[in-house]
Amino acid sequence: MRFAHVVLPGGDSPTLVLVDGQDAIPVPALLPEGPATLEQLIAGGEALQTAVRDAAAGFAGQRVAIADTTFAPAVLMPPTIMAIGLNYSAHAGELNLKTDDTPTVFTLWPNSIAAHEGTATWSRSLSEAVDYEAELGVIIGRPARDVSEEDALDHVFGYTVVNDITARNIQYSEAQWCRAKSFDGFTPVGPYVVTAAEVPDPQDLHIWTVLDGHTMQDSTTGTMVRSVAKLIAHLSRGITLLPGTLISTGSPGGSGYSRTPQVLMRDRSTVTVGIDGIGELTTHCRVVD
């Protein structure tokens, strides 16, 4: 199944929809008191998710064209956003940073979450070195604590696309990375969440970035230093990964900051990051004085 949060025509708040081709089926219309957000759907567990799938199979009600809606972030209120740095050796090398034996882990702040076709705005005085990072997002479906690598993927609800936008000058000037990556609108997520059953192997996905019409990143999740399963097993040691937790799993090589000359996000740039089979996530840029 494929889900999204959208604002329906005439509406003013996000609603969870099940995406069927070019159509959107509002999930609250499928069941009495049906879930209105992805977080509510995940909290309802497998029983609710099965009920939604079964109801959608026989749904004869009104559908809405996706093109007539406005996307909201694919996740609205995750309990935690955990991000992994240096999880592709090519990216670590181009940034002159060391890939350690254990993952580099940091958090992203909820104010940074943004939607497909949204606009990221920052001041020139804040940064003139704002970079893109295409990443596979993993959404936890049921509590995971001290899980083995072999069982880790059983705890995944689904996958999405993340652009981990980064102010590189701030990243390199501070000991932690959270602030450099958490300015308002710096974590676009979506547009879709694809359930785990639709992604049999998260290590076999084409991932890419196009900035202003030029392909900048072109790789596969198979080149991760640590697989999705290994990351979940590591992060769950002594810590319960709560349902709805978003894990951004790192970016491949091809960052704009490391290029000569540098190719960075500028005023009126448009950047699209994508993962085949999951979706394409577009962000527009505005730089103010």
Protein backbone atom coordinates (compact mmCIF):
# COMPACT_ATOMS: atom_id res chain seq x y z
CA MET A 1 0.00 0.00 0.00
CA ARG A 2 1.01 3.59 -0.62
CA PHE A 3 -0.06 6.38 1.74
CA ALA A 4 0.28 10.17 1.85
CA HIS A 5 -0.90 13.12 3.86
CA VAL A 6 -2.69 15.64 1.66
CA VAL A 7 -4.93 18.64 2.04
CA LEU A 8 -8.07 17.78 0.08
CA PRO A 9 -9.83 20.35 -2.13
CA GLY A 10 -11.69 22.73 0.14
CA GLY A 11 -9.91 21.39 3.20
CA ASP A 12 -7.55 23.15 5.58
CA SER A 13 -5.71 20.33 7.37
CA PRO A 14 -3.83 17.19 6.29
CA THR A 15 -5.75 13.94 5.82
CA LEU A 16 -4.31 10.46 5.38
CA VAL A 17 -5.07 9.01 1.96
CA LEU A 18 -4.40 5.68 0.33
CA VAL A 19 -2.91 6.28 -3.10
CA ASP A 20 -4.29 4.13 -5.92
CA GLY A 21 -2.64 5.08 -9.19
CA GLN A 22 -3.43 8.75 -9.79
CA ASP A 23 -6.28 8.72 -7.27
CA ALA A 24 -6.43 9.31 -3.53
CA ILE A 25 -8.89 7.54 -1.25
CA PRO A 26 -9.38 9.34 2.08
CA VAL A 27 -8.65 6.70 4.72
CA PRO A 28 -11.23 8.09 7.22
CA ALA A 29 -13.90 7.26 4.62
CA LEU A 30 -12.92 3.60 4.48
CA LEU A 31 -13.88 2.67 8.04
CA PRO A 32 -16.04 4.08 10.82
CA GLU A 33 -13.72 6.42 12.72
CA GLY A 34 -10.94 5.47 10.33
CA PRO A 35 -7.45 6.85 11.02
CA ALA A 36 -6.88 10.40 9.82
CA THR A 37 -3.07 10.31 10.10
CA LEU A 38 -0.31 7.84 9.43
CA GLU A 39 0.56 7.92 13.11
CA GLN A 40 -2.97 6.76 14.00
CA LEU A 41 -2.80 4.01 11.39
CA ILE A 42 0.50 2.73 12.77
CA ALA A 43 -0.79 2.91 16.35
CA GLY A 44 -3.73 0.72 15.37
CA GLY A 45 -1.39 -2.13 14.57
CA GLU A 46 -1.71 -4.90 12.03
CA ALA A 47 -5.43 -5.39 12.64
CA LEU A 48 -6.28 -1.82 11.65
CA GLN A 49 -3.89 -1.88 8.71
CA THR A 50 -5.47 -5.09 7.41
CA ALA A 51 -8.94 -3.58 7.82
CA VAL A 52 -7.89 -0.54 5.78
CA ARG A 53 -6.44 -2.71 3.03
CA ASP A 54 -9.56 -4.88 2.86
CA ALA A 55 -11.90 -1.88 2.83
CA ALA A 56 -9.91 -0.23 0.04
CA ALA A 57 -10.17 -3.35 -2.11
CA GLY A 58 -13.95 -3.01 -2.27
CA PHE A 59 -14.23 0.76 -2.04
CA ALA A 60 -16.84 2.23 -4.41
CA GLY A 61 -16.97 5.72 -2.96
CA GLN A 62 -15.69 8.98 -4.30
CA ARG A 63 -12.02 9.31 -5.14
CA VAL A 64 -9.97 12.47 -5.46
CA ALA A 65 -7.29 13.02 -8.09
CA ILE A 66 -3.88 13.37 -6.44
CA ALA A 67 -3.22 16.28 -8.81
CA ASP A 68 -6.08 18.20 -7.15
CA THR A 69 -4.59 17.91 -3.66
CA THR A 70 -1.73 19.62 -1.84
CA PHE A 71 0.84 17.38 -0.19
CA ALA A 72 1.63 17.64 3.50
CA PRO A 73 4.69 15.93 5.02
CA ALA A 74 4.55 12.15 4.78
CA VAL A 75 5.03 12.01 8.56
CA LEU A 76 3.43 14.65 10.74
CA MET A 77 4.47 13.98 14.34
CA PRO A 78 7.09 11.25 14.59
CA PRO A 79 8.12 10.57 18.18
CA THR A 80 11.75 10.80 17.09
CA ILE A 81 13.66 11.59 13.92
CA MET A 82 16.95 9.70 13.99
CA ALA A 83 19.52 10.36 11.28
CA ILE A 84 22.62 8.48 10.24
CA GLY A 85 25.72 10.20 8.96
CA LEU A 86 28.53 8.81 6.83
CA ASN A 87 26.63 5.65 5.86
CA TYR A 88 27.94 5.62 2.30
CA SER A 89 31.73 5.50 2.00
CA ALA A 90 31.73 7.73 -1.10
CA HIS A 91 29.95 10.51 0.80
CA ALA A 92 32.23 10.21 3.83
CA GLY A 93 35.28 10.40 1.60
CA GLU A 94 34.14 13.47 -0.33
CA LEU A 95 33.45 15.34 2.93
CA ASN A 96 36.84 14.29 4.35
CA LEU A 97 35.11 12.65 7.31
CA LYS A 98 35.90 9.23 8.74
CA THR A 99 33.43 6.35 8.62
CA ASP A 100 33.77 4.79 12.07
CA ASP A 101 33.07 1.22 13.15
CA THR A 102 29.76 2.36 14.64
CA PRO A 103 27.21 4.64 12.96
CA THR A 104 27.26 8.40 13.37
CA VAL A 105 23.84 9.12 14.90
CA PHE A 106 22.13 12.47 15.41
CA THR A 107 18.58 13.76 15.67
CA LEU A 108 16.59 16.13 13.48
CA TRP A 109 14.16 18.57 15.04
CA PRO A 110 10.43 18.42 14.21
CA ASN A 111 10.26 22.05 13.02
CA SER A 112 12.41 21.00 10.05
CA ILE A 113 9.82 18.61 8.57
CA ALA A 114 8.44 19.83 5.26
CA ALA A 115 6.29 18.58 2.38
CA HIS A 116 6.75 17.71 -1.27
CA GLU A 117 6.67 20.86 -3.43
CA GLY A 118 7.36 22.97 -0.34
CA THR A 119 9.76 25.89 -0.15
CA ALA A 120 12.86 25.97 2.04
CA THR A 121 13.77 29.52 2.97
CA TRP A 122 16.94 30.68 4.69
CA SER A 123 18.87 33.90 5.08
CA ARG A 124 22.09 34.61 3.26
CA SER A 125 23.63 35.62 6.57
CA LEU A 126 22.83 32.16 7.94
CA SER A 127 24.46 30.19 5.15
CA GLU A 128 25.63 30.37 1.59
CA ALA A 129 26.60 26.68 1.64
CA VAL A 130 23.28 24.84 1.73
CA ASP A 131 23.48 21.31 0.33
CA TYR A 132 21.12 18.48 -0.60
CA GLU A 133 21.26 14.85 0.60
CA ALA A 134 18.97 12.16 -0.82
CA GLU A 135 18.17 9.54 1.82
CA LEU A 136 15.99 6.50 2.33
CA GLY A 137 13.60 7.07 5.22
CA VAL A 138 12.53 4.12 7.36
CA ILE A 139 9.38 4.29 9.51
CA ILE A 140 9.12 1.97 12.50
CA GLY A 141 5.80 0.12 12.75
CA ARG A 142 6.02 -1.62 16.11
CA PRO A 143 8.24 -1.16 19.14
CA ALA A 144 11.80 -2.31 18.61
CA ARG A 145 14.18 -2.84 21.52
CA ASP A 146 17.28 -5.02 21.46
CA VAL A 147 16.19 -6.59 18.17
CA SER A 148 18.52 -8.75 16.15
CA GLU A 149 19.64 -7.84 12.66
CA GLU A 150 17.73 -10.89 11.40
CA ASP A 151 14.44 -9.67 12.92
CA ALA A 152 14.93 -5.94 12.43
CA LEU A 153 12.96 -5.51 9.20
CA ASP A 154 9.92 -7.11 10.85
CA HIS A 155 9.59 -3.88 12.83
CA VAL A 156 9.40 -1.63 9.74
CA PHE A 157 6.05 -0.18 8.71
CA GLY A 158 7.26 1.39 5.51
CA TYR A 159 9.69 3.55 3.59
CA THR A 160 9.75 7.12 2.34
CA VAL A 161 12.12 9.66 0.77
CA VAL A 162 14.02 12.27 2.80
CA ASN A 163 16.10 15.26 1.71
CA ASP A 164 18.50 15.94 4.58
CA ILE A 165 19.22 19.56 3.67
CA THR A 166 22.37 20.81 5.38
CA ALA A 167 24.02 24.17 6.04
CA ARG A 168 27.58 22.94 5.56
CA ASN A 169 29.29 25.98 7.10
CA ILE A 170 27.43 25.37 10.35
CA GLN A 171 27.93 21.60 10.20
CA TYR A 172 31.69 22.08 10.06
CA SER A 173 31.77 24.79 12.73
CA GLU A 174 29.96 22.89 15.50
CA ALA A 175 30.65 19.63 17.28
CA GLN A 176 27.16 18.29 16.62
CA TRP A 177 25.18 18.27 13.37
CA CYS A 178 21.61 18.68 14.62
CA ARG A 179 21.33 22.44 14.21
CA ALA A 180 22.93 22.57 10.76
CA LYS A 181 20.29 20.15 9.48
CA SER A 182 17.25 21.30 11.44
CA PHE A 183 16.42 24.78 10.24
CA ASP A 184 12.80 25.31 9.30
CA GLY A 185 11.95 23.30 6.18
CA PHE A 186 15.31 21.51 6.02
CA THR A 187 13.84 17.98 6.28
CA PRO A 188 11.38 17.44 3.44
CA VAL A 189 9.75 14.00 3.71
CA GLY A 190 7.53 12.22 1.21
CA PRO A 191 5.52 12.53 -0.80
CA TYR A 192 4.57 8.90 -0.13
CA VAL A 193 5.05 6.18 2.45
CA VAL A 194 5.21 2.75 0.85
CA THR A 195 4.51 -0.19 3.15
CA ALA A 196 7.29 -2.66 3.80
CA ALA A 197 5.52 -5.44 1.90
CA GLU A 198 6.00 -3.41 -1.29
CA VAL A 199 9.78 -3.15 -0.74
CA PRO A 200 11.15 -6.69 -0.46
CA ASP A 201 14.77 -5.52 -0.27
CA PRO A 202 15.60 -2.01 1.01
CA GLN A 203 19.20 -2.58 -0.10
CA ASP A 204 18.21 -2.80 -3.77
CA LEU A 205 16.86 0.67 -4.49
CA HIS A 206 18.07 3.30 -6.95
CA ILE A 207 18.54 6.67 -5.17
CA TRP A 208 19.27 9.96 -6.90
CA THR A 209 19.20 13.77 -6.82
CA VAL A 210 18.53 16.32 -9.57
CA LEU A 211 19.38 19.96 -8.84
CA ASP A 212 18.24 22.58 -11.34
CA GLY A 213 17.99 19.95 -14.06
CA HIS A 214 21.38 18.34 -13.41
CA THR A 215 21.82 14.87 -11.91
CA MET A 216 24.03 15.23 -8.84
CA GLN A 217 23.61 11.92 -7.00
CA ASP A 218 23.07 8.57 -8.70
CA SER A 219 23.58 5.50 -6.58
CA THR A 220 21.92 2.52 -4.92
CA THR A 221 21.07 1.71 -1.33
CA GLY A 222 23.12 -1.43 -1.83
CA THR A 223 26.24 0.69 -1.30
CA MET A 224 25.31 1.60 2.28
CA VAL A 225 28.08 0.88 4.77
CA ARG A 226 25.45 -0.46 7.21
CA SER A 227 22.17 -1.95 5.99
CA VAL A 228 18.76 -0.85 7.20
CA ALA A 229 18.53 -4.02 9.30
CA LYS A 230 21.92 -3.41 10.88
CA LEU A 231 21.01 0.21 11.68
CA ILE A 232 17.75 -0.76 13.38
CA ALA A 233 19.51 -3.44 15.43
CA HIS A 234 22.16 -0.95 16.52
CA LEU A 235 19.76 1.89 17.34
CA SER A 236 17.47 -0.42 19.35
CA ARG A 237 20.18 -1.51 21.80
CA GLY A 238 18.85 -0.34 25.14
CA ILE A 239 16.50 2.12 23.44
CA THR A 240 12.92 1.44 22.39
CA LEU A 241 12.29 2.68 18.87
CA LEU A 242 8.67 3.78 19.16
CA PRO A 243 6.09 3.23 16.41
CA GLY A 244 6.21 6.12 13.98
CA THR A 245 9.92 6.80 14.52
CA LEU A 246 11.58 8.05 11.33
CA ILE A 247 15.13 6.93 10.58
CA SER A 248 16.98 8.74 7.81
CA THR A 249 19.65 6.29 6.68
CA GLY A 250 22.38 8.45 5.15
CA SER A 251 23.24 9.90 1.77
CA PRO A 252 25.32 8.57 -1.12
CA GLY A 253 28.19 10.40 -2.76
CA GLY A 254 27.72 13.41 -5.01
CA SER A 255 27.16 16.25 -2.56
CA GLY A 256 27.43 19.71 -4.02
CA TYR A 257 29.70 21.04 -1.28
CA SER A 258 32.52 18.64 -2.18
CA ARG A 259 32.57 19.48 -5.89
CA THR A 260 35.05 21.78 -7.61
CA PRO A 261 33.51 24.21 -8.23
CA GLN A 262 30.84 23.72 -5.60
CA VAL A 263 27.25 23.23 -6.77
CA LEU A 264 24.95 24.35 -3.98
CA MET A 265 21.28 25.17 -3.52
CA ARG A 266 20.71 28.81 -4.48
CA ASP A 267 17.87 31.28 -4.53
CA ARG A 268 15.15 29.85 -6.81
CA SER A 269 16.84 26.48 -7.11
CA THR A 270 14.65 23.40 -7.42
CA VAL A 271 15.95 20.12 -6.06
CA THR A 272 14.32 16.70 -6.46
CA VAL A 273 15.51 13.65 -4.57
CA GLY A 274 14.05 10.28 -5.44
CA ILE A 275 14.08 6.58 -4.82
CA ASP A 276 12.72 4.31 -7.52
CA GLY A 277 9.55 2.56 -6.43
CA ILE A 278 8.97 4.94 -3.52
CA GLY A 279 8.70 8.46 -4.89
CA GLU A 280 10.17 11.78 -6.00
CA LEU A 281 10.40 14.63 -3.48
CA THR A 282 10.77 18.19 -4.76
CA THR A 283 11.81 21.27 -2.81
CA HIS A 284 11.99 24.88 -3.98
CA CYS A 285 14.57 27.26 -2.52
CA ARG A 286 14.37 30.89 -1.54
CA VAL A 287 17.30 32.84 -0.07
CA VAL A 288 16.59 36.13 1.67
CA ASP A 289 19.00 38.85 2.75
